[in-house]
């Protein structure tokens, strides 16, 4: 897509032109900070689905392939089903095998396995509760990570407008490791990049920033900039606390910084975080509204966020 068309579709206007911006463009204009906004996911079922995706594409595939009861239990345990497709335009070929990945993102016990299936009905043979519990043995082990870029434009156009350049750029440098993925949550943070099985989600990425995220991941590290959070963390407060400690200590390894306890509460919570050989108590406050504005994706975008009240070593 030419730059002028990309900017126009995203609502990023040239001088002299006015338009209501798309939600992701507005979020950037308002200075939105993505820390603490990742959806919770501890494991994954990734199903290849070539062709176009409607807004309910994932639900349609799951309804065809899996008993609702078995899927519900696994979802409650942290499993996140998602559709994936190869970068670019690929028509669905009847009878062609599909790639299916199952993965666990639990710290210290991450793994990724692949199955190739001829029919969606074969998904019912996968023990999803075992996947959600972090137990291996469902397919062939695969060396990760996979880089999943949300391009689900029928859910929100920002996912396609900001996601497609990311997936195109990453696919050139990391063939076979990059997939388009269905909605991962947080349209306003497009382009969104989920790394599996690492379990880190980044948002508001440009092409060059996505490449930096990928390079760090290939070295077993996490890039702090634009980090939405570790998806296996217990809550947004824990995600934010981990990012705070990573920023203060400079620690970048996948499991170098982990929230271990969180004191239940309202908008203010104490989170205990290990950072290397040290432990920290981080007091995090949720801010219900930081900035707001009108976008063409929704009537109004209200940006919430978090702030650190205190940090002390314990």
Protein backbone atom coordinates (compact mmCIF):
# COMPACT_ATOMS: atom_id res chain seq x y z
CA UNK A 1 0.00 0.00 0.00
CA UNK A 2 1.44 3.41 -0.94
CA UNK A 3 2.30 5.56 2.07
CA UNK A 4 -0.30 8.19 1.20
CA UNK A 5 -3.08 5.58 1.05
CA UNK A 6 -1.86 3.96 4.28
CA UNK A 7 -1.93 7.27 6.12
CA UNK A 8 -5.34 8.18 4.75
CA UNK A 9 -6.90 4.87 5.70
CA UNK A 10 -5.46 5.06 9.21
CA UNK A 11 -6.80 8.55 9.62
CA UNK A 12 -3.34 10.10 9.69
CA UNK A 13 -3.89 13.13 7.54
CA UNK A 14 -1.58 15.26 5.51
CA UNK A 15 -1.41 19.03 6.19
CA UNK A 16 -4.62 20.79 5.25
CA UNK A 17 -6.75 17.67 5.52
CA UNK A 18 -8.96 16.76 8.48
CA UNK A 19 -10.62 13.46 9.32
CA UNK A 20 -11.73 11.49 12.34
CA UNK A 21 -8.76 9.18 13.05
CA UNK A 22 -8.92 5.45 13.45
CA UNK A 23 -8.61 4.22 17.04
CA UNK A 24 -4.97 3.09 16.78
CA UNK A 25 -3.92 6.39 15.22
CA UNK A 26 -5.83 8.29 17.90
CA UNK A 27 -4.22 6.24 20.66
CA UNK A 28 -0.78 7.18 19.35
CA UNK A 29 -1.79 10.84 19.07
CA UNK A 30 -3.01 10.79 22.68
CA UNK A 31 0.27 9.27 23.90
CA UNK A 32 -1.26 5.99 25.00
CA UNK A 33 1.07 3.65 26.91
CA UNK A 34 0.44 -0.07 26.26
CA UNK A 35 2.01 -1.42 29.47
CA UNK A 36 -0.45 -3.65 31.33
CA UNK A 37 -2.91 -4.19 28.47
CA UNK A 38 -2.18 -7.76 27.28
CA UNK A 39 -5.00 -10.28 27.30
CA UNK A 40 -4.37 -13.28 29.54
CA UNK A 41 -3.11 -16.35 27.64
CA UNK A 42 -1.09 -19.18 29.17
CA UNK A 43 -1.36 -21.64 26.26
CA UNK A 44 -2.49 -21.66 22.64
CA UNK A 45 -4.34 -23.62 19.99
CA UNK A 46 -3.40 -22.08 16.62
CA UNK A 47 -5.46 -23.30 13.66
CA UNK A 48 -4.50 -22.52 10.07
CA UNK A 49 -7.47 -21.04 8.22
CA UNK A 50 -6.53 -19.70 4.77
CA UNK A 51 -8.70 -17.17 2.97
CA UNK A 52 -10.69 -14.23 4.26
CA UNK A 53 -11.89 -14.00 7.86
CA UNK A 54 -15.24 -12.62 8.83
CA UNK A 55 -15.74 -11.00 12.23
CA UNK A 56 -16.81 -14.35 13.72
CA UNK A 57 -14.37 -16.56 11.79
CA UNK A 58 -12.79 -18.09 14.90
CA UNK A 59 -16.12 -18.90 16.50
CA UNK A 60 -17.35 -20.47 13.25
CA UNK A 61 -14.30 -22.75 12.97
CA UNK A 62 -14.46 -23.77 16.63
CA UNK A 63 -18.18 -24.53 16.43
CA UNK A 64 -17.52 -26.82 13.46
CA UNK A 65 -14.54 -28.60 14.99
CA UNK A 66 -14.80 -28.85 18.77
CA UNK A 67 -17.33 -29.70 21.46
CA UNK A 68 -18.08 -26.53 23.38
CA UNK A 69 -17.72 -28.18 26.80
CA UNK A 70 -14.15 -29.34 26.24
CA UNK A 71 -13.12 -25.98 24.84
CA UNK A 72 -14.73 -24.02 27.69
CA UNK A 73 -12.79 -25.90 30.36
CA UNK A 74 -9.50 -25.34 28.54
CA UNK A 75 -10.27 -21.66 28.01
CA UNK A 76 -11.00 -21.25 31.71
CA UNK A 77 -7.53 -22.69 32.37
CA UNK A 78 -5.86 -20.09 30.12
CA UNK A 79 -5.95 -21.69 26.64
CA UNK A 80 -6.38 -19.17 23.81
CA UNK A 81 -7.60 -20.53 20.45
CA UNK A 82 -6.67 -18.37 17.46
CA UNK A 83 -6.77 -18.63 13.69
CA UNK A 84 -3.56 -18.22 11.71
CA UNK A 85 -2.78 -17.90 8.01
CA UNK A 86 0.36 -17.45 5.97
CA UNK A 87 1.33 -13.89 5.07
CA UNK A 88 -0.26 -12.57 1.90
CA UNK A 89 -3.35 -13.67 0.04
CA UNK A 90 -4.03 -17.42 0.08
CA UNK A 91 -7.26 -18.97 -1.13
CA UNK A 92 -8.53 -21.97 0.78
CA UNK A 93 -7.94 -25.24 -1.09
CA UNK A 94 -10.50 -27.92 -0.18
CA UNK A 95 -8.82 -30.98 1.30
CA UNK A 96 -5.43 -29.32 1.71
CA UNK A 97 -3.73 -30.09 5.05
CA UNK A 98 -3.78 -27.43 7.73
CA UNK A 99 -1.05 -26.57 10.18
CA UNK A 100 -2.08 -26.63 13.82
CA UNK A 101 0.17 -25.51 16.65
CA UNK A 102 -0.30 -26.12 20.36
CA UNK A 103 1.92 -24.32 22.83
CA UNK A 104 2.43 -23.49 26.48
CA UNK A 105 3.81 -20.18 27.68
CA UNK A 106 4.35 -20.95 31.35
CA UNK A 107 7.64 -19.47 32.60
CA UNK A 108 10.36 -22.10 32.65
CA UNK A 109 8.13 -24.63 30.87
CA UNK A 110 7.51 -23.17 27.43
CA UNK A 111 7.05 -25.49 24.46
CA UNK A 112 5.66 -25.48 20.94
CA UNK A 113 4.38 -28.44 18.89
CA UNK A 114 2.92 -28.78 15.40
CA UNK A 115 0.34 -31.10 13.87
CA UNK A 116 -0.82 -31.23 10.27
CA UNK A 117 -4.48 -32.21 9.91
CA UNK A 118 -6.59 -33.04 6.87
CA UNK A 119 -9.92 -32.20 8.46
CA UNK A 120 -11.05 -29.82 11.19
CA UNK A 121 -12.72 -32.73 12.96
CA UNK A 122 -9.27 -33.99 13.92
CA UNK A 123 -8.97 -31.11 16.38
CA UNK A 124 -11.33 -32.98 18.69
CA UNK A 125 -8.59 -35.59 19.21
CA UNK A 126 -6.30 -33.04 20.89
CA UNK A 127 -6.44 -33.09 24.68
CA UNK A 128 -6.97 -29.37 25.15
CA UNK A 129 -7.14 -29.57 28.92
CA UNK A 130 -3.68 -31.17 28.89
CA UNK A 131 -2.40 -28.37 26.65
CA UNK A 132 -3.88 -25.81 29.02
CA UNK A 133 -2.21 -27.59 31.95
CA UNK A 134 1.17 -27.33 30.20
CA UNK A 135 1.58 -31.02 29.31
CA UNK A 136 3.43 -31.84 26.09
CA UNK A 137 3.07 -34.72 23.66
CA UNK A 138 0.44 -33.65 21.11
CA UNK A 139 2.54 -33.17 17.98
CA UNK A 140 6.07 -32.71 16.68
CA UNK A 141 8.23 -30.35 18.76
CA UNK A 142 9.04 -27.11 16.94
CA UNK A 143 11.79 -24.62 17.64
CA UNK A 144 10.16 -21.25 18.13
CA UNK A 145 9.35 -18.60 18.42
CA UNK A 146 6.46 -17.86 16.10
CA UNK A 147 5.65 -14.22 15.37
CA UNK A 148 1.90 -13.67 15.15
CA UNK A 149 0.68 -10.35 13.79
CA UNK A 150 -3.00 -9.48 14.15
CA UNK A 151 -4.50 -8.59 10.75
CA UNK A 152 -8.16 -9.30 11.57
CA UNK A 153 -9.54 -6.28 9.77
CA UNK A 154 -13.18 -7.38 9.93
CA UNK A 155 -12.93 -7.08 13.72
CA UNK A 156 -11.34 -3.64 13.48
CA UNK A 157 -9.80 -2.01 10.43
CA UNK A 158 -6.79 -0.83 12.48
CA UNK A 159 -5.65 -4.45 12.82
CA UNK A 160 -5.35 -4.73 9.04
CA UNK A 161 -4.07 -1.22 8.31
CA UNK A 162 -1.31 -1.32 10.93
CA UNK A 163 -0.80 -5.11 10.97
CA UNK A 164 -0.25 -5.89 7.30
CA UNK A 165 2.94 -3.83 6.91
CA UNK A 166 4.33 -5.57 10.00
CA UNK A 167 3.64 -9.08 8.74
CA UNK A 168 5.06 -8.26 5.31
CA UNK A 169 8.27 -6.87 6.77
CA UNK A 170 8.78 -9.66 9.29
CA UNK A 171 8.09 -12.41 6.75
CA UNK A 172 10.95 -11.21 4.56
CA UNK A 173 13.47 -11.74 7.36
CA UNK A 174 11.90 -14.68 9.21
CA UNK A 175 10.30 -17.00 6.64
CA UNK A 176 8.25 -19.78 8.14
CA UNK A 177 8.05 -18.11 11.56
CA UNK A 178 5.57 -15.36 10.75
CA UNK A 179 1.80 -15.81 10.60
CA UNK A 180 -1.18 -13.52 10.41
CA UNK A 181 -3.40 -14.13 13.42
CA UNK A 182 -7.00 -13.44 14.33
CA UNK A 183 -8.04 -10.95 16.99
CA UNK A 184 -5.73 -10.91 20.05
CA UNK A 185 -7.49 -8.00 21.78
CA UNK A 186 -6.68 -4.32 21.89
CA UNK A 187 -7.50 -2.85 18.46
CA UNK A 188 -6.29 0.54 19.63
CA UNK A 189 -2.78 -0.92 20.11
CA UNK A 190 -2.43 -2.10 16.50
CA UNK A 191 -0.04 -3.20 15.11
CA UNK A 192 0.00 -6.01 17.62
CA UNK A 193 2.70 -8.68 17.68
CA UNK A 194 2.35 -11.82 19.84
CA UNK A 195 5.39 -14.05 20.31
CA UNK A 196 4.61 -17.74 20.94
CA UNK A 197 5.48 -19.63 23.09
CA UNK A 198 7.30 -16.77 24.86
CA UNK A 199 3.95 -15.19 25.66
CA UNK A 200 4.87 -11.53 25.25
CA UNK A 201 2.57 -9.13 23.43
CA UNK A 202 3.75 -5.84 21.94
CA UNK A 203 1.57 -3.10 20.52
CA UNK A 204 1.60 0.19 18.61
CA UNK A 205 4.46 -1.16 16.51
CA UNK A 206 5.90 0.20 13.29
CA UNK A 207 7.75 -2.14 10.91
CA UNK A 208 11.23 -1.32 12.23
CA UNK A 209 10.07 -1.72 15.83
CA UNK A 210 8.54 -5.12 15.10
CA UNK A 211 11.85 -6.29 13.68
CA UNK A 212 13.63 -5.21 16.86
CA UNK A 213 11.11 -7.20 18.93
CA UNK A 214 11.75 -10.27 16.76
CA UNK A 215 15.53 -9.94 17.01
CA UNK A 216 15.37 -9.78 20.82
CA UNK A 217 13.03 -12.79 20.95
CA UNK A 218 15.37 -14.87 18.81
CA UNK A 219 18.05 -14.22 21.43
CA UNK A 220 15.75 -15.28 24.27
CA UNK A 221 15.09 -11.72 25.39
CA UNK A 222 12.17 -9.33 25.70
CA UNK A 223 12.20 -5.85 24.19
CA UNK A 224 10.84 -3.37 26.72
CA UNK A 225 9.67 -0.68 24.32
CA UNK A 226 5.99 -1.03 23.28
CA UNK A 227 5.55 -4.05 25.56
CA UNK A 228 1.91 -4.63 26.50
CA UNK A 229 2.79 -7.41 28.92
CA UNK A 230 3.47 -11.07 29.63
CA UNK A 231 0.25 -12.86 28.75
CA UNK A 232 0.66 -15.52 31.46
CA UNK A 233 0.87 -12.92 34.25
CA UNK A 234 -1.99 -13.05 36.71
CA UNK A 235 -3.38 -9.58 36.00
CA UNK A 236 -2.72 -6.23 34.31
CA UNK A 237 -1.23 -4.97 37.60
CA UNK A 238 1.33 -7.80 37.53
CA UNK A 239 2.11 -7.10 33.87
CA UNK A 240 2.73 -3.45 34.63
CA UNK A 241 4.84 -4.23 37.69
CA UNK A 242 7.08 -6.55 35.68
CA UNK A 243 7.57 -3.88 33.01
CA UNK A 244 8.43 -1.35 35.73
CA UNK A 245 11.14 -3.61 37.16
CA UNK A 246 12.51 -4.45 33.71
CA UNK A 247 12.83 -0.73 33.08
CA UNK A 248 14.63 -0.11 36.37
CA UNK A 249 17.00 -3.08 36.21
CA UNK A 250 17.65 -3.47 32.49
CA UNK A 251 16.92 -7.23 32.72
CA UNK A 252 15.77 -8.61 29.37
CA UNK A 253 15.79 -12.44 29.56
CA UNK A 254 12.37 -14.09 29.24
CA UNK A 255 12.04 -15.15 32.87
CA UNK A 256 14.47 -12.70 34.48
CA UNK A 257 11.55 -10.66 35.84
CA UNK A 258 8.41 -12.37 37.14
CA UNK A 259 5.52 -11.28 39.34
CA UNK A 260 5.14 -13.92 42.05
CA UNK A 261 2.41 -12.55 44.32
CA UNK A 262 -0.31 -9.94 44.05
CA UNK A 263 -2.29 -8.53 46.94
CA UNK A 264 -5.99 -8.53 46.01
CA UNK A 265 -7.60 -5.15 46.02
CA UNK A 266 -9.22 -2.43 44.00
CA UNK A 267 -7.40 0.04 41.82
CA UNK A 268 -4.24 -0.02 43.98
CA UNK A 269 -2.40 -3.32 44.43
CA UNK A 270 0.93 -4.51 45.84
CA UNK A 271 2.81 -6.86 43.53
CA UNK A 272 5.89 -8.85 44.54
CA UNK A 273 8.32 -9.20 41.65
CA UNK A 274 11.55 -11.16 41.33
CA UNK A 275 14.18 -9.40 39.26
CA UNK A 276 17.33 -11.47 38.90
CA UNK A 277 18.42 -12.38 42.42
CA UNK A 278 16.37 -9.59 44.03
CA UNK A 279 12.76 -9.14 45.08
CA UNK A 280 10.74 -5.97 44.86
CA UNK A 281 7.41 -4.74 46.17
CA UNK A 282 5.73 -2.63 43.51
CA UNK A 283 2.61 -0.62 44.36
CA UNK A 284 0.61 -0.09 41.17
CA UNK A 285 -2.41 2.16 40.74
CA UNK A 286 -4.88 1.76 37.89
CA UNK A 287 -5.97 5.04 36.35
CA UNK A 288 -9.49 4.72 34.90
CA UNK A 289 -9.07 7.58 32.44
CA UNK A 290 -5.93 9.28 31.15
CA UNK A 291 -7.10 10.75 27.86
CA UNK A 292 -9.98 10.35 25.43
CA UNK A 293 -11.11 11.31 21.98
CA UNK A 294 -13.40 10.38 19.12
CA UNK A 295 -12.38 7.80 16.53
CA UNK A 296 -14.09 6.35 13.52
CA UNK A 297 -13.74 2.82 14.90
CA UNK A 298 -15.92 3.59 17.92
CA UNK A 299 -17.84 6.58 19.20
CA UNK A 300 -15.24 7.40 21.81
CA UNK A 301 -11.86 6.03 22.87
CA UNK A 302 -11.05 6.32 26.58
CA UNK A 303 -7.47 5.44 27.50
CA UNK A 304 -6.97 3.93 30.93
CA UNK A 305 -3.54 3.12 32.30
CA UNK A 306 -1.36 2.45 35.32
CA UNK A 307 1.18 4.30 37.38
CA UNK A 308 3.77 3.20 39.92
CA UNK A 309 3.19 4.58 43.39
CA UNK A 310 6.30 3.06 44.94
CA UNK A 311 9.02 0.45 44.50
CA UNK A 312 11.10 -1.01 47.30
CA UNK A 313 13.46 -3.93 47.54
CA UNK A 314 12.32 -6.60 50.01
